Structures are given as structure tokens and as C-alpha cells.
């Protein structure tokens, strides 16, 4: 996963994953105007301190048969105050469908 256009000086960036939200959830109410969550809940996949403008995160999917058929949303967030009143920005979301080969 490649996250680009991270604002200069951002102290942190994270890649999140979780169940897909359809439609996306508007985050204006928590102080992230113009941002949306593409998942209903999330876990942190990776966290990077003092990220560069572009961060590449390898995503490994274990070879576990029970994961076949699972749909997972991935989305990056960066702590980039004062871009939003909450301080965080979100990326667009990506959805992965895990299939057997």
C-alpha cells in the first residue's frame, strides 16, 4: 500500500484496516471536515512516526483458508494539525477481496 501526499511536518501516519462502510461515513462531526471513513471499525496495521511525503507499507495476507471470501477496507490517516480541527486527515479507501488462487 502506498500513501502519498502526506503533509510535510506530519508527526504520524497510520494504515488502518477493517470492515467496509457502505456508504462511507462523513467525519465532519468529529472535526475532520472533508474526510470520510471507508470502514465501520478499524485496527491499526502499521504506524509510522515522522513519515516522509510517501510511505510504502507491505501488506501480507496469511495463507489461511478461513480468510477466503473476506472483504477488507484499507485507509491511511495522518496526524497533520492544523489541517482539520481534530488534527487528523484521511485518505481515500481501498477495498480488498480475498480470493483463493
Protein backbone atom coordinates (compact mmCIF):
# COMPACT_ATOMS: atom_id res chain seq x y z
CA UNK A 1 0.00 0.00 0.00
CA UNK A 2 1.37 3.37 -0.97
CA UNK A 3 0.21 6.50 0.83
CA UNK A 4 1.32 9.72 -0.84
CA UNK A 5 0.82 13.45 -0.40
CA UNK A 6 1.31 13.26 3.37
CA UNK A 7 1.65 16.90 4.50
CA UNK A 8 5.19 17.95 5.43
CA UNK A 9 5.80 18.01 9.17
CA UNK A 10 3.13 15.41 9.99
CA UNK A 11 4.29 13.63 13.16
CA UNK A 12 2.48 10.34 12.42
CA UNK A 13 0.82 8.26 9.71
CA UNK A 14 -1.10 5.00 10.11
CA UNK A 15 -2.55 2.38 7.80
CA UNK A 16 -5.88 1.10 9.12
CA UNK A 17 -7.96 -1.89 8.11
CA UNK A 18 -11.46 -3.09 8.93
CA UNK A 19 -14.92 -3.94 7.59
CA UNK A 20 -16.05 -1.80 4.66
CA UNK A 21 -18.56 1.01 5.33
CA UNK A 22 -21.08 1.47 2.52
CA UNK A 23 -21.66 4.34 2.16
CA UNK A 24 -18.56 5.98 3.59
CA UNK A 25 -19.01 7.75 6.95
CA UNK A 26 -18.65 11.55 6.94
CA UNK A 27 -16.18 12.56 9.66
CA UNK A 28 -17.14 16.26 9.78
CA UNK A 29 -18.90 15.77 13.13
CA UNK A 30 -15.61 14.83 14.84
CA UNK A 31 -13.70 17.76 13.34
CA UNK A 32 -12.42 16.18 10.13
CA UNK A 33 -14.26 18.28 7.55
CA UNK A 34 -13.99 16.81 4.05
CA UNK A 35 -12.81 13.42 5.36
CA UNK A 36 -14.64 10.10 5.25
CA UNK A 37 -14.15 6.72 6.88
CA UNK A 38 -14.42 3.81 4.48
CA UNK A 39 -14.68 1.28 7.31
CA UNK A 40 -17.17 0.72 10.13
CA UNK A 41 -14.44 -0.02 12.69
CA UNK A 42 -10.70 -0.37 12.39
CA UNK A 43 -7.49 -1.88 13.63
CA UNK A 44 -4.07 -0.31 13.11
CA UNK A 45 -1.98 -2.24 10.59
CA UNK A 46 1.10 -0.02 10.78
CA UNK A 47 2.15 3.23 12.41
CA UNK A 48 4.97 5.45 11.15
CA UNK A 49 6.48 8.30 13.17
CA UNK A 50 7.66 11.37 11.23
CA UNK A 51 6.63 9.98 7.83
CA UNK A 52 8.04 11.15 4.52
CA UNK A 53 5.64 12.56 1.90
CA UNK A 54 5.15 8.98 0.65
CA UNK A 55 5.02 5.83 2.78
CA UNK A 56 5.01 2.31 1.31
CA UNK A 57 3.60 -0.36 3.63
CA UNK A 58 3.87 -4.04 2.67
CA UNK A 59 0.55 -5.80 3.27
CA UNK A 60 0.86 -9.52 3.88
CA UNK A 61 -2.20 -11.76 3.78
CA UNK A 62 -1.70 -15.07 5.57
CA UNK A 63 -2.46 -18.25 3.66
CA UNK A 64 -5.43 -19.17 5.87
CA UNK A 65 -8.45 -20.83 4.20
CA UNK A 66 -10.94 -19.11 6.52
CA UNK A 67 -9.95 -15.72 5.06
CA UNK A 68 -11.16 -16.66 1.55
CA UNK A 69 -14.17 -14.55 0.65
CA UNK A 70 -13.40 -11.82 3.19
CA UNK A 71 -13.69 -8.17 2.14
CA UNK A 72 -11.35 -5.76 3.93
CA UNK A 73 -11.15 -1.97 3.63
CA UNK A 74 -7.79 -0.20 4.00
CA UNK A 75 -7.30 3.50 4.58
CA UNK A 76 -4.46 5.76 5.71
CA UNK A 77 -4.67 8.57 8.20
CA UNK A 78 -2.07 11.15 9.10
CA UNK A 79 -1.81 13.37 12.13
CA UNK A 80 -1.42 16.69 10.35
CA UNK A 81 -2.55 19.60 12.52
CA UNK A 82 -3.92 22.18 11.82
CA UNK A 83 -5.34 20.75 8.54
CA UNK A 84 -8.53 19.77 10.41
CA UNK A 85 -9.78 20.84 13.84
CA UNK A 86 -9.34 17.22 15.04
CA UNK A 87 -5.80 17.20 13.62
CA UNK A 88 -6.14 14.02 11.53
CA UNK A 89 -6.59 13.63 7.76
CA UNK A 90 -7.89 10.53 5.99
CA UNK A 91 -7.04 9.13 2.57
CA UNK A 92 -9.34 7.53 0.08
CA UNK A 93 -10.20 3.93 0.90
CA UNK A 94 -9.28 0.73 -0.91
CA UNK A 95 -11.26 -2.49 -0.68
CA UNK A 96 -9.57 -5.90 -0.94
CA UNK A 97 -11.50 -9.06 -1.68
CA UNK A 98 -9.53 -12.12 -0.61
CA UNK A 99 -9.88 -14.99 -3.07
CA UNK A 100 -8.27 -18.41 -3.40
CA UNK A 101 -5.75 -18.99 -6.17
